[in-house]
N, C-alpha and C. Protein backbone atom coordinates (compact mmCIF):
# COMPACT_ATOMS: atom_id res chain seq x y z
N MET A 1 81.50 182.55 66.85
CA MET A 1 81.54 182.74 68.28
C MET A 1 80.15 182.55 68.89
N ARG A 2 80.11 182.40 70.18
CA ARG A 2 78.86 182.21 70.88
C ARG A 2 78.25 183.56 71.24
N SER A 3 76.94 183.57 71.41
CA SER A 3 76.27 184.81 71.79
C SER A 3 76.41 185.05 73.28
N ASP A 4 76.09 186.27 73.70
CA ASP A 4 76.13 186.60 75.13
C ASP A 4 75.13 185.77 75.91
N ASP A 5 74.01 185.41 75.27
CA ASP A 5 73.00 184.59 75.92
C ASP A 5 73.57 183.22 76.27
N ASP A 6 74.36 182.64 75.37
CA ASP A 6 74.99 181.35 75.64
C ASP A 6 75.97 181.46 76.81
N ASN A 7 76.75 182.54 76.85
CA ASN A 7 77.69 182.72 77.95
C ASN A 7 76.97 182.89 79.27
N ALA A 8 75.79 183.49 79.26
CA ALA A 8 75.01 183.64 80.48
C ALA A 8 74.58 182.28 81.02
N LYS A 9 74.48 181.30 80.14
CA LYS A 9 74.10 179.94 80.53
C LYS A 9 75.30 179.12 80.99
N GLY A 10 76.48 179.71 80.99
CA GLY A 10 77.66 179.01 81.48
C GLY A 10 78.44 178.28 80.41
N LYS A 11 78.15 178.52 79.14
CA LYS A 11 78.89 177.85 78.08
C LYS A 11 80.20 178.57 77.82
N LEU A 12 81.22 177.80 77.53
CA LEU A 12 82.52 178.37 77.21
C LEU A 12 82.54 178.89 75.79
N ASP A 13 83.35 179.91 75.54
CA ASP A 13 83.58 180.34 74.17
C ASP A 13 85.05 180.11 73.83
N ALA A 14 85.41 180.34 72.58
CA ALA A 14 86.76 180.03 72.11
C ALA A 14 87.83 180.82 72.87
N GLU A 15 87.52 182.07 73.20
CA GLU A 15 88.50 182.87 73.93
C GLU A 15 88.78 182.32 75.32
N GLN A 16 87.74 181.83 75.98
CA GLN A 16 87.92 181.23 77.31
C GLN A 16 88.73 179.94 77.21
N VAL A 17 88.45 179.15 76.19
CA VAL A 17 89.21 177.91 75.97
C VAL A 17 90.67 178.24 75.68
N LEU A 18 90.89 179.28 74.87
CA LEU A 18 92.24 179.72 74.54
C LEU A 18 93.02 180.07 75.81
N LYS A 19 92.39 180.81 76.72
CA LYS A 19 93.04 181.18 77.98
C LYS A 19 93.37 179.93 78.81
N MET A 20 92.43 179.00 78.86
CA MET A 20 92.64 177.78 79.64
C MET A 20 93.80 176.96 79.07
N LEU A 21 93.84 176.84 77.75
CA LEU A 21 94.91 176.07 77.12
C LEU A 21 96.27 176.75 77.28
N LYS A 22 96.30 178.07 77.16
CA LYS A 22 97.56 178.80 77.35
C LYS A 22 98.06 178.64 78.78
N ALA A 23 97.14 178.61 79.74
CA ALA A 23 97.53 178.41 81.15
C ALA A 23 98.17 177.05 81.36
N GLU A 24 97.83 176.09 80.49
CA GLU A 24 98.40 174.75 80.58
C GLU A 24 99.61 174.58 79.67
N GLY A 25 100.04 175.68 79.04
CA GLY A 25 101.24 175.64 78.22
C GLY A 25 101.02 175.30 76.76
N MET A 26 99.78 175.28 76.31
CA MET A 26 99.49 174.98 74.91
C MET A 26 99.32 176.28 74.14
N ASP A 27 100.00 176.40 73.01
CA ASP A 27 99.90 177.60 72.18
C ASP A 27 99.02 177.29 70.98
N VAL A 28 97.78 177.75 71.01
CA VAL A 28 96.83 177.53 69.92
C VAL A 28 96.21 178.85 69.50
N THR A 29 95.66 178.88 68.29
CA THR A 29 94.96 180.07 67.81
C THR A 29 93.51 180.01 68.27
N VAL A 30 92.80 181.11 68.09
CA VAL A 30 91.38 181.15 68.44
C VAL A 30 90.61 180.14 67.58
N GLU A 31 90.99 180.02 66.31
CA GLU A 31 90.31 179.08 65.42
C GLU A 31 90.53 177.63 65.90
N GLN A 32 91.74 177.32 66.32
CA GLN A 32 92.03 175.98 66.83
C GLN A 32 91.28 175.73 68.14
N ALA A 33 91.20 176.74 68.98
CA ALA A 33 90.46 176.61 70.23
C ALA A 33 88.99 176.33 69.94
N GLN A 34 88.43 176.99 68.91
CA GLN A 34 87.03 176.75 68.55
C GLN A 34 86.84 175.33 68.05
N LEU A 35 87.77 174.83 67.25
CA LEU A 35 87.68 173.45 66.76
C LEU A 35 87.75 172.45 67.92
N ILE A 36 88.64 172.70 68.86
CA ILE A 36 88.75 171.83 70.04
C ILE A 36 87.46 171.86 70.84
N LEU A 37 86.90 173.05 71.02
CA LEU A 37 85.66 173.20 71.77
C LEU A 37 84.51 172.47 71.07
N ASP A 38 84.40 172.62 69.75
CA ASP A 38 83.36 171.93 68.99
C ASP A 38 83.49 170.42 69.11
N PHE A 39 84.74 169.93 69.02
CA PHE A 39 84.99 168.50 69.15
C PHE A 39 84.58 167.98 70.52
N LEU A 40 84.96 168.70 71.56
CA LEU A 40 84.62 168.27 72.92
C LEU A 40 83.12 168.28 73.17
N ARG A 41 82.42 169.26 72.58
CA ARG A 41 80.95 169.29 72.72
C ARG A 41 80.33 168.07 72.03
N LYS A 42 80.81 167.73 70.84
CA LYS A 42 80.29 166.55 70.14
C LYS A 42 80.60 165.28 70.91
N LEU A 43 81.82 165.18 71.44
CA LEU A 43 82.21 164.02 72.22
C LEU A 43 81.33 163.87 73.47
N ALA A 44 81.05 165.00 74.14
CA ALA A 44 80.19 164.97 75.33
C ALA A 44 78.77 164.54 74.96
N ALA A 45 78.25 165.03 73.83
CA ALA A 45 76.90 164.65 73.41
C ALA A 45 76.83 163.16 73.09
N ILE A 46 77.86 162.62 72.46
CA ILE A 46 77.90 161.20 72.15
C ILE A 46 77.96 160.38 73.44
N ALA A 47 78.79 160.81 74.38
CA ALA A 47 78.93 160.08 75.64
C ALA A 47 77.61 160.06 76.41
N VAL A 48 76.93 161.19 76.47
CA VAL A 48 75.64 161.25 77.18
C VAL A 48 74.61 160.39 76.46
N SER A 49 74.58 160.46 75.15
CA SER A 49 73.64 159.67 74.37
C SER A 49 73.87 158.18 74.58
N ASN A 50 75.12 157.77 74.53
CA ASN A 50 75.44 156.35 74.76
C ASN A 50 75.06 155.91 76.16
N TYR A 51 75.31 156.75 77.14
CA TYR A 51 74.95 156.42 78.52
C TYR A 51 73.45 156.26 78.66
N LEU A 52 72.70 157.19 78.09
CA LEU A 52 71.24 157.11 78.20
C LEU A 52 70.68 155.92 77.44
N ASN A 53 71.28 155.57 76.32
CA ASN A 53 70.81 154.42 75.54
C ASN A 53 71.11 153.09 76.24
N THR A 54 72.18 153.03 77.01
CA THR A 54 72.49 151.78 77.72
C THR A 54 71.67 151.63 79.00
N LYS A 55 71.07 152.69 79.47
CA LYS A 55 70.25 152.62 80.68
C LYS A 55 68.87 151.99 80.41
N GLN A 56 68.48 151.88 79.14
CA GLN A 56 67.14 151.39 78.81
C GLN A 56 67.08 149.89 78.84
C-alpha cells in the first residue's frame, strides 16, 4: 500500500481504485486493484517518456 505522504500528494491507493471500479460495476479484489493501478502508472510513465522523447 501507499504511505499517507503519497496520499497527501494526490496519489491513488488500491482502496480508492477499488471503490472507483465498483462504482463502474467491476468486482475486483484489493490485490487486483493494486495490479491495475501499478499497470496504469507504468503505462502513464511510458506515455510521458515517449512524448518527451519525440519532442526533441
